[in-house]
Amino acid sequence: MTMIADTVAVWVDGAGVPERVVWAGVRFRVTDTPTPLDLDLSFATHLPFLPTAWRFQGTNDQGESLVFDVVSVAGGQAWRVLHTYQ
């Protein structure tokens, strides 16, 4: 597992489910069914918005696949990669 905090571009469908991600200049298409992640928000008492987090497998055009954990930030206007797994 690689722990990361990079801002990434995530495209979602009409229901807010990730379809693709561009990370480190490489496009990955979601190639499995994304799973919502439960975030431990017990430390926060007055969040301005409830972040959304997902885990999904993405595959690039060269056939490399990674599993991504991503979370919405900035009021849902941006995304961060929390972890990647090979």
C-alpha atoms as a PDB file:
ATOM      1  CA  MET A   1       0.000   0.000   0.000  1.00  0.00           C
ATOM      2  CA  THR A   2       1.232   3.448  -0.867  1.00  0.00           C
ATOM      3  CA  MET A   3      -0.101   6.313   1.250  1.00  0.00           C
ATOM      4  CA  ILE A   4      -0.649   9.446  -0.791  1.00  0.00           C
ATOM      5  CA  ALA A   5      -2.363  12.814  -0.512  1.00  0.00           C
ATOM      6  CA  ASP A   6      -2.280  13.872  -4.168  1.00  0.00           C
ATOM      7  CA  THR A   7      -5.117  15.893  -5.649  1.00  0.00           C
ATOM      8  CA  VAL A   8      -6.564  14.067  -8.652  1.00  0.00           C
ATOM      9  CA  ALA A   9      -9.284  14.518 -11.253  1.00  0.00           C
ATOM     10  CA  VAL A  10     -12.188  12.100 -10.821  1.00  0.00           C
ATOM     11  CA  TRP A  11     -15.086  11.781 -13.256  1.00  0.00           C
ATOM     12  CA  VAL A  12     -18.311  10.432 -11.805  1.00  0.00           C
ATOM     13  CA  ASP A  13     -21.604   9.291 -13.279  1.00  0.00           C
ATOM     14  CA  GLY A  14     -24.977  10.892 -12.522  1.00  0.00           C
ATOM     15  CA  ALA A  15     -25.186   9.039  -9.202  1.00  0.00           C
ATOM     16  CA  GLY A  16     -21.729  10.253  -8.105  1.00  0.00           C
ATOM     17  CA  VAL A  17     -19.972   6.907  -8.677  1.00  0.00           C
ATOM     18  CA  PRO A  18     -16.410   7.173 -10.072  1.00  0.00           C
ATOM     19  CA  GLU A  19     -15.900   6.236 -13.739  1.00  0.00           C
ATOM     20  CA  ARG A  20     -12.302   7.342 -14.318  1.00  0.00           C
ATOM     21  CA  VAL A  21      -9.423   9.110 -12.603  1.00  0.00           C
ATOM     22  CA  VAL A  22      -6.365  10.979 -13.820  1.00  0.00           C
ATOM     23  CA  TRP A  23      -3.488  10.563 -11.399  1.00  0.00           C
ATOM     24  CA  ALA A  24       0.117  11.664 -12.033  1.00  0.00           C
ATOM     25  CA  GLY A  25      -0.861  12.529 -15.617  1.00  0.00           C
ATOM     26  CA  VAL A  26      -2.153   9.014 -16.360  1.00  0.00           C
ATOM     27  CA  ARG A  27      -5.804   8.186 -17.063  1.00  0.00           C
ATOM     28  CA  PHE A  28      -7.229   5.128 -15.347  1.00  0.00           C
ATOM     29  CA  ARG A  29     -10.683   3.811 -16.242  1.00  0.00           C
ATOM     30  CA  VAL A  30     -12.672   2.224 -13.431  1.00  0.00           C
ATOM     31  CA  THR A  31     -12.710  -1.503 -14.205  1.00  0.00           C
ATOM     32  CA  ASP A  32     -14.715  -2.879 -11.284  1.00  0.00           C
ATOM     33  CA  THR A  33     -17.690  -1.855  -9.167  1.00  0.00           C
ATOM     34  CA  PRO A  34     -16.639   1.018  -6.875  1.00  0.00           C
ATOM     35  CA  THR A  35     -17.236   0.457  -3.159  1.00  0.00           C
ATOM     36  CA  PRO A  36     -18.165   3.331  -0.843  1.00  0.00           C
ATOM     37  CA  LEU A  37     -15.707   3.701   2.045  1.00  0.00           C
ATOM     38  CA  ASP A  38     -16.795   4.482   5.587  1.00  0.00           C
ATOM     39  CA  LEU A  39     -14.850   7.433   6.948  1.00  0.00           C
ATOM     40  CA  ASP A  40     -14.182   7.791  10.670  1.00  0.00           C
ATOM     41  CA  LEU A  41     -15.485  11.284  11.253  1.00  0.00           C
ATOM     42  CA  SER A  42     -15.954  10.935  15.008  1.00  0.00           C
ATOM     43  CA  PHE A  43     -13.315  13.607  15.599  1.00  0.00           C
ATOM     44  CA  ALA A  44     -15.226  16.227  13.586  1.00  0.00           C
ATOM     45  CA  THR A  45     -18.222  18.022  15.051  1.00  0.00           C
ATOM     46  CA  HIS A  46     -19.093  20.719  12.503  1.00  0.00           C
ATOM     47  CA  LEU A  47     -18.164  19.641   8.999  1.00  0.00           C
ATOM     48  CA  PRO A  48     -19.320  22.062   6.283  1.00  0.00           C
ATOM     49  CA  PHE A  49     -20.062  19.054   4.048  1.00  0.00           C
ATOM     50  CA  LEU A  50     -19.947  15.280   4.329  1.00  0.00           C
ATOM     51  CA  PRO A  51     -17.016  13.915   2.302  1.00  0.00           C
ATOM     52  CA  THR A  52     -17.525  10.968  -0.042  1.00  0.00           C
ATOM     53  CA  ALA A  53     -14.923   8.220  -0.282  1.00  0.00           C
ATOM     54  CA  TRP A  54     -14.584   5.310  -2.718  1.00  0.00           C
ATOM     55  CA  ARG A  55     -12.369   2.300  -3.403  1.00  0.00           C
ATOM     56  CA  PHE A  56     -12.114   1.058  -6.970  1.00  0.00           C
ATOM     57  CA  GLN A  57      -9.766  -0.600  -9.425  1.00  0.00           C
ATOM     58  CA  GLY A  58      -8.513   1.517 -12.287  1.00  0.00           C
ATOM     59  CA  THR A  59      -6.703   0.295 -15.388  1.00  0.00           C
ATOM     60  CA  ASN A  60      -4.639   2.520 -17.687  1.00  0.00           C
ATOM     61  CA  ASP A  61      -4.192   2.199 -21.461  1.00  0.00           C
ATOM     62  CA  GLN A  62      -1.035   0.080 -20.956  1.00  0.00           C
ATOM     63  CA  GLY A  63      -2.994  -2.484 -18.909  1.00  0.00           C
ATOM     64  CA  GLU A  64      -1.549  -1.539 -15.507  1.00  0.00           C
ATOM     65  CA  SER A  65      -4.165  -1.837 -12.758  1.00  0.00           C
ATOM     66  CA  LEU A  66      -4.177  -0.172  -9.354  1.00  0.00           C
ATOM     67  CA  VAL A  67      -6.721  -0.027  -6.562  1.00  0.00           C
ATOM     68  CA  PHE A  68      -7.449   3.542  -5.482  1.00  0.00           C
ATOM     69  CA  ASP A  69      -8.933   4.947  -2.278  1.00  0.00           C
ATOM     70  CA  VAL A  70     -10.189   8.463  -3.031  1.00  0.00           C
ATOM     71  CA  VAL A  71     -12.048  11.056  -0.960  1.00  0.00           C
ATOM     72  CA  SER A  72     -13.841  14.247  -1.934  1.00  0.00           C
ATOM     73  CA  VAL A  73     -12.445  17.480  -0.495  1.00  0.00           C
ATOM     74  CA  ALA A  74     -13.116  21.214  -0.830  1.00  0.00           C
ATOM     75  CA  GLY A  75     -16.852  20.830  -0.451  1.00  0.00           C
ATOM     76  CA  GLY A  76     -16.949  18.048  -3.023  1.00  0.00           C
ATOM     77  CA  GLN A  77     -15.254  20.157  -5.698  1.00  0.00           C
ATOM     78  CA  ALA A  78     -11.968  18.217  -5.661  1.00  0.00           C
ATOM     79  CA  TRP A  79     -10.644  14.730  -4.900  1.00  0.00           C
ATOM     80  CA  ARG A  80      -7.593  13.289  -3.167  1.00  0.00           C
ATOM     81  CA  VAL A  81      -6.000   9.882  -3.477  1.00  0.00           C
ATOM     82  CA  LEU A  82      -5.525   8.458   0.012  1.00  0.00           C
ATOM     83  CA  HIS A  83      -3.940   5.115  -0.912  1.00  0.00           C
ATOM     84  CA  THR A  84      -3.075   2.990  -3.898  1.00  0.00           C
ATOM     85  CA  TYR A  85      -2.611  -0.777  -3.933  1.00  0.00           C
ATOM     86  CA  GLN A  86      -1.036  -2.951  -6.609  1.00  0.00           C
END
